[in-house]
């Protein structure tokens, strides 16, 4: 059973603040791609729309329906995703997954603020929600690469 102290640690003031500060939520006009991803485990859902220019994200929009952890991840990613190339997003996704599931290090820049989500390592049922934005973004970028 999860103790109240564990829940307080998991839902820190920083995570709750990030969850209320999600950027890039306004729809973009004529996106190059839009991707919807849903976590069947918890029901969290994201819709990511983006435009690419010179192999980098030039415009980005996210519609987030997730728990505070998924919202905090979206907040951090939204603040640093513009200008990212596919390799950066893929590396960030892989590092975040490793941090959550294999006690790997904190993701490097530009996603190093995801460190705040380390307490979620112990809550496997929250991992999918945390991963949604990076996974959807990467899926969208990969679909454009293969056009």
Foldseek 3Di string as FASTA:
>chain_A
DDDPVLVCLQCDPLLQVLLVQQPQADDDPPFPDWFWDADPLFGKIKIKGFHDDPQATAHIHMDTDFDSLLSSLNSLCRVARGGDHLVLLVQQLVQLCCVQAVVHDQRDPPRNVNVSNSSCSVPVSCSCSSNPVSVRVNVGSVVVVVD
